[in-house]
Amino acid sequence: MRISRSQTEKRNLESQFKTQMYSQQIVNISKIDSQQWNSLVPDDAPFAKHEFLEALEKTGCVHPETGWLPHHTIITKNNKIIAAMPFYIKGHSYGEYVFDWAWADAYHRNGYQYYPKGLCAIPFTPASSPKLLVSPAHDPAMLKRTLVASCLEAAKELSLSSVHSLFSGRSEQEYWKQQKFLNKIGFQFHWHNKNYAVFKDYLSEFSSSKRKKIRQERASISALKIEFEIKSGNQISEKNWSDFYQFYKNTVNAHGAT
């Protein structure tokens, strides 16, 4: 293979840059500087923020006893974080909203252990979000490749059966594909407001029979005299959270786990 001088120089510079970086795995996100972590997170990605991930760990939702072992990766240069990735070692497949129980069963039937497995994801969050968090000032493409490579290294060192990245943004998928990861396609239904000024505008897109059915359903709900109250932040009481948790448990018990 013939490599041009520019390609060679680029690889040399990348190799030189890597020798100046330091990569490490952190088992508690509280030990990672929140401002430095958040400086890598886009404004439209609230679930990748340090505060959200830390809350999951502090409340025990994400904890080794619940089958989630944090193993976050950070890359530093001159004692400053220039790349980061939320990563977990899983002992089950709950809380992922991607169902791979069939894979686990196939492993078991063939005498292999599917767990523990590696997971690059935002726990309990079925929403696309960046997870290869990098500084735009330090060769973002190279840093993203390095973060993905760290997953493979973790799999070897920790004897993980596999590594998964869930709900990755389109811009990140190419970096997983470069490391021969298989693409898993799922389907979600999203509602978009197409400049509807009132509910009647929305109904106008349906057939007459469907409009009639929707009006009947709304009328039956109105007849129940249900009242809505919107709360945020400190307005939400401990009892509100307790009730919400019980409702959620009831839903899971009735329809199955995530």
Protein backbone atom coordinates (compact mmCIF):
# COMPACT_ATOMS: atom_id res chain seq x y z
CA MET A 1 0.00 0.00 0.00
CA ARG A 2 1.42 3.36 -1.01
CA ILE A 3 1.10 6.07 1.63
CA SER A 4 1.55 9.69 0.70
CA ARG A 5 3.73 12.00 2.70
CA SER A 6 0.73 13.89 4.04
CA GLN A 7 -0.79 10.64 5.34
CA THR A 8 2.48 9.68 6.99
CA GLU A 9 2.84 13.06 8.62
CA LYS A 10 -0.74 12.88 9.85
CA ARG A 11 -0.16 9.47 11.44
CA ASN A 12 3.09 10.64 13.03
CA LEU A 13 1.38 13.67 14.51
CA GLU A 14 -1.46 11.51 15.82
CA SER A 15 1.02 9.06 17.36
CA GLN A 16 2.95 11.91 18.95
CA PHE A 17 -0.26 13.42 20.32
CA LYS A 18 -1.33 10.09 21.81
CA THR A 19 1.91 9.76 23.76
CA GLN A 20 1.03 13.02 25.51
CA MET A 21 -2.42 11.76 26.56
CA TYR A 22 -3.36 9.78 29.62
CA SER A 23 -6.38 7.47 29.65
CA GLN A 24 -7.98 6.09 32.79
CA GLN A 25 -11.15 4.37 33.99
CA ILE A 26 -13.16 5.82 36.87
CA VAL A 27 -15.67 3.75 38.88
CA ASN A 28 -17.39 6.74 40.46
CA ILE A 29 -18.32 9.76 38.36
CA SER A 30 -18.21 11.97 41.48
CA LYS A 31 -14.44 11.66 41.28
CA ILE A 32 -14.49 13.34 37.84
CA ASP A 33 -14.52 17.13 37.71
CA SER A 34 -18.07 18.10 36.72
CA GLN A 35 -17.12 21.32 34.93
CA GLN A 36 -14.52 19.59 32.79
CA TRP A 37 -16.92 16.74 31.94
CA ASN A 38 -19.75 19.14 31.06
CA SER A 39 -17.48 21.25 28.89
CA LEU A 40 -17.45 18.29 26.47
CA VAL A 41 -21.25 17.84 26.42
CA PRO A 42 -23.38 19.68 23.82
CA ASP A 43 -26.09 21.97 25.19
CA ASP A 44 -28.83 19.81 23.65
CA ALA A 45 -27.71 16.64 25.46
CA PRO A 46 -28.93 17.00 29.08
CA PHE A 47 -28.78 13.28 29.85
CA ALA A 48 -25.04 13.15 29.15
CA LYS A 49 -24.42 15.88 31.73
CA HIS A 50 -22.38 15.07 34.81
CA GLU A 51 -25.28 15.99 37.14
CA PHE A 52 -27.66 13.44 35.62
CA LEU A 53 -25.17 10.59 35.61
CA GLU A 54 -24.04 11.44 39.14
CA ALA A 55 -27.64 11.49 40.40
CA LEU A 56 -28.14 7.96 39.07
CA GLU A 57 -25.11 6.77 41.01
CA LYS A 58 -25.81 8.68 44.23
CA THR A 59 -29.40 7.45 44.45
CA GLY A 60 -28.32 3.84 43.95
CA CYS A 61 -30.14 3.43 40.64
CA VAL A 62 -26.74 2.75 39.09
CA HIS A 63 -24.77 0.61 41.51
CA PRO A 64 -22.94 -2.74 41.49
CA GLU A 65 -25.72 -4.20 43.67
CA THR A 66 -28.29 -3.31 40.99
CA GLY A 67 -26.17 -4.79 38.21
CA TRP A 68 -24.55 -1.54 37.02
CA LEU A 69 -20.83 -1.07 37.64
CA PRO A 70 -19.61 2.35 36.43
CA HIS A 71 -16.38 2.19 34.46
CA HIS A 72 -16.19 5.61 32.84
CA THR A 73 -13.29 6.52 30.57
CA ILE A 74 -11.56 9.89 30.57
CA ILE A 75 -8.61 11.06 28.51
CA THR A 76 -6.50 13.88 29.89
CA LYS A 77 -3.74 16.08 28.57
CA ASN A 78 -1.82 18.43 30.85
CA ASN A 79 -4.21 17.43 33.67
CA LYS A 80 -7.25 18.58 31.69
CA ILE A 81 -10.00 16.26 30.45
CA ILE A 82 -10.17 16.37 26.65
CA ALA A 83 -12.40 13.30 26.12
CA ALA A 84 -14.82 11.24 28.17
CA MET A 85 -17.29 8.39 27.79
CA PRO A 86 -19.95 6.97 30.12
CA PHE A 87 -19.39 3.23 30.34
CA TYR A 88 -20.81 0.45 32.50
CA ILE A 89 -20.18 -3.21 33.20
CA LYS A 90 -23.58 -4.92 33.26
CA GLY A 91 -24.72 -8.05 35.02
CA HIS A 92 -28.11 -8.07 33.25
CA SER A 93 -29.96 -6.26 30.44
CA TYR A 94 -32.51 -4.28 32.45
CA GLY A 95 -32.82 -0.52 32.09
CA GLU A 96 -31.51 -0.42 28.53
CA TYR A 97 -34.72 -0.33 26.45
CA VAL A 98 -32.94 -2.54 23.92
CA PHE A 99 -33.83 -6.19 24.24
CA ASP A 100 -30.96 -8.64 23.85
CA TRP A 101 -32.33 -11.47 25.98
CA ALA A 102 -32.23 -13.74 22.92
CA TRP A 103 -28.47 -13.15 22.67
CA ALA A 104 -28.06 -13.97 26.35
CA ASP A 105 -30.10 -17.15 25.92
CA ALA A 106 -28.05 -18.19 22.87
CA TYR A 107 -24.83 -17.74 24.84
CA HIS A 108 -26.24 -19.82 27.70
CA ARG A 109 -27.44 -22.65 25.46
CA ASN A 110 -23.99 -22.90 23.92
CA GLY A 111 -22.19 -22.99 27.24
CA TYR A 112 -20.99 -19.38 27.32
CA GLN A 113 -21.51 -16.54 29.79
CA TYR A 114 -23.19 -13.45 28.33
CA TYR A 115 -22.72 -11.44 31.50
CA PRO A 116 -20.83 -9.39 32.37
CA LYS A 117 -21.02 -7.29 29.24
CA GLY A 118 -19.82 -3.75 28.49
CA LEU A 119 -22.25 -0.92 27.82
CA CYS A 120 -21.68 2.58 26.49
CA ALA A 121 -25.04 4.21 27.20
CA ILE A 122 -27.08 6.59 29.33
CA PRO A 123 -28.83 4.36 31.89
CA PHE A 124 -32.63 4.16 31.75
CA THR A 125 -32.76 6.64 28.85
CA PRO A 126 -34.06 5.49 25.42
CA ALA A 127 -33.06 8.75 23.73
CA SER A 128 -30.25 9.35 21.26
CA SER A 129 -27.43 11.24 22.88
CA PRO A 130 -23.70 11.74 22.26
CA LYS A 131 -21.52 9.53 24.41
CA LEU A 132 -18.14 9.94 22.75
CA LEU A 133 -17.55 13.29 24.40
CA VAL A 134 -14.53 15.14 23.03
CA SER A 135 -12.95 18.57 22.99
CA PRO A 136 -13.26 20.26 19.57
CA ALA A 137 -9.79 21.74 20.10
CA HIS A 138 -7.97 18.38 20.16
CA ASP A 139 -8.53 16.31 17.00
CA PRO A 140 -12.10 15.11 17.75
CA ALA A 141 -11.99 12.23 15.25
CA MET A 142 -8.85 10.74 16.76
CA LEU A 143 -10.23 11.09 20.29
CA LYS A 144 -13.48 9.33 19.35
CA ARG A 145 -11.51 6.46 17.81
CA THR A 146 -9.48 6.23 21.00
CA LEU A 147 -12.60 6.09 23.18
CA VAL A 148 -14.08 3.27 21.10
CA ALA A 149 -10.77 1.41 21.23
CA SER A 150 -10.82 1.73 25.03
CA CYS A 151 -14.07 -0.28 25.06
CA LEU A 152 -12.37 -3.15 23.28
CA GLU A 153 -9.43 -2.98 25.68
CA ALA A 154 -11.82 -3.09 28.63
CA ALA A 155 -13.56 -6.13 27.14
CA LYS A 156 -10.25 -8.01 26.97
CA GLU A 157 -8.98 -6.94 30.39
CA LEU A 158 -12.27 -7.62 32.19
CA SER A 159 -13.30 -10.72 30.20
CA LEU A 160 -16.52 -9.14 28.98
CA SER A 161 -18.58 -11.16 26.52
CA SER A 162 -19.30 -8.15 24.33
CA VAL A 163 -19.53 -4.36 24.17
CA HIS A 164 -22.64 -2.40 23.18
CA SER A 165 -23.30 1.25 22.39
CA LEU A 166 -26.98 2.17 22.69
CA PHE A 167 -28.85 5.08 21.10
CA SER A 168 -25.75 6.57 19.55
CA GLY A 169 -26.10 9.66 17.42
CA ARG A 170 -25.56 9.32 13.69
CA SER A 171 -22.29 11.24 13.87
CA GLU A 172 -20.86 8.65 16.28
CA GLN A 173 -21.96 5.47 14.55
CA GLU A 174 -19.17 5.59 11.99
CA TYR A 175 -16.54 5.32 14.72
CA TRP A 176 -18.10 2.11 16.05
CA LYS A 177 -18.35 0.70 12.53
CA GLN A 178 -14.64 1.39 11.98
CA GLN A 179 -13.93 -1.05 14.83
CA LYS A 180 -16.14 -3.72 13.19
CA PHE A 181 -19.11 -3.23 15.51
CA LEU A 182 -22.40 -4.55 14.13
CA ASN A 183 -25.15 -2.02 13.56
CA LYS A 184 -28.37 -2.75 15.48
CA ILE A 185 -31.45 -1.00 14.08
CA GLY A 186 -34.48 -0.24 16.21
CA PHE A 187 -37.70 1.71 15.69
CA GLN A 188 -39.20 4.56 17.69
CA PHE A 189 -42.30 6.65 17.10
CA HIS A 190 -41.82 10.39 17.58
CA TRP A 191 -44.59 12.99 17.43
CA HIS A 192 -43.81 16.34 15.80
CA ASN A 193 -45.90 19.49 15.91
CA LYS A 194 -46.29 20.53 12.27
CA ASN A 195 -47.16 24.11 13.18
CA TYR A 196 -50.53 23.11 14.65
CA ALA A 197 -52.04 26.22 16.25
CA VAL A 198 -54.90 24.34 17.91
CA PHE A 199 -55.89 20.70 18.38
CA LYS A 200 -58.41 21.03 15.56
CA ASP A 201 -55.51 21.60 13.15
CA TYR A 202 -54.00 18.28 14.22
CA LEU A 203 -57.31 16.46 13.78
CA SER A 204 -57.66 17.79 10.25
CA GLU A 205 -54.96 15.35 9.07
CA PHE A 206 -57.10 12.33 10.03
CA SER A 207 -60.00 10.73 8.17
CA SER A 208 -63.53 11.55 9.29
CA SER A 209 -63.97 8.23 11.13
CA LYS A 210 -60.71 8.64 13.06
CA ARG A 211 -61.52 12.24 13.98
CA LYS A 212 -64.85 11.05 15.37
CA LYS A 213 -63.18 8.30 17.42
CA ILE A 214 -60.59 10.68 18.86
CA ARG A 215 -63.28 13.18 19.87
CA GLN A 216 -65.19 10.38 21.62
CA GLU A 217 -62.09 9.28 23.50
CA ARG A 218 -61.33 12.84 24.61
CA ALA A 219 -64.93 13.32 25.72
CA SER A 220 -64.78 10.16 27.86
CA ILE A 221 -61.65 11.46 29.59
CA SER A 222 -63.21 14.89 30.15
CA ALA A 223 -66.20 13.22 31.79
CA LEU A 224 -63.89 11.80 34.48
CA LYS A 225 -63.12 15.35 35.70
CA ILE A 226 -59.40 14.68 35.88
CA GLU A 227 -57.32 17.69 36.94
CA PHE A 228 -53.73 18.31 35.90
CA GLU A 229 -51.12 20.07 38.00
CA ILE A 230 -47.65 20.79 36.65
CA LYS A 231 -44.74 20.88 39.12
CA SER A 232 -41.01 21.33 38.68
CA GLY A 233 -37.89 21.25 40.83
CA ASN A 234 -38.48 21.83 44.52
CA GLN A 235 -42.24 21.92 44.01
CA ILE A 236 -42.17 18.12 43.76
CA SER A 237 -42.63 16.62 47.23
CA GLU A 238 -41.33 13.34 48.62
CA LYS A 239 -44.89 12.00 48.46
CA ASN A 240 -45.10 12.93 44.76
CA TRP A 241 -41.92 10.96 44.08
CA SER A 242 -43.16 8.04 46.16
CA ASP A 243 -46.45 7.97 44.25
CA PHE A 244 -44.65 8.23 40.92
CA TYR A 245 -42.38 5.33 41.85
CA GLN A 246 -45.38 3.19 42.79
CA PHE A 247 -47.11 4.02 39.49
CA TYR A 248 -43.95 3.07 37.62
CA LYS A 249 -43.67 -0.24 39.49
CA ASN A 250 -47.30 -0.99 38.67
CA THR A 251 -46.62 -0.35 34.98
CA VAL A 252 -43.56 -2.60 34.97
CA ASN A 253 -45.43 -5.36 36.78
CA ALA A 254 -48.31 -5.14 34.33
CA HIS A 255 -46.36 -4.87 31.08
CA GLY A 256 -42.93 -6.29 31.78
CA ALA A 257 -39.50 -4.85 32.49
CA THR A 258 -37.52 -2.55 30.22
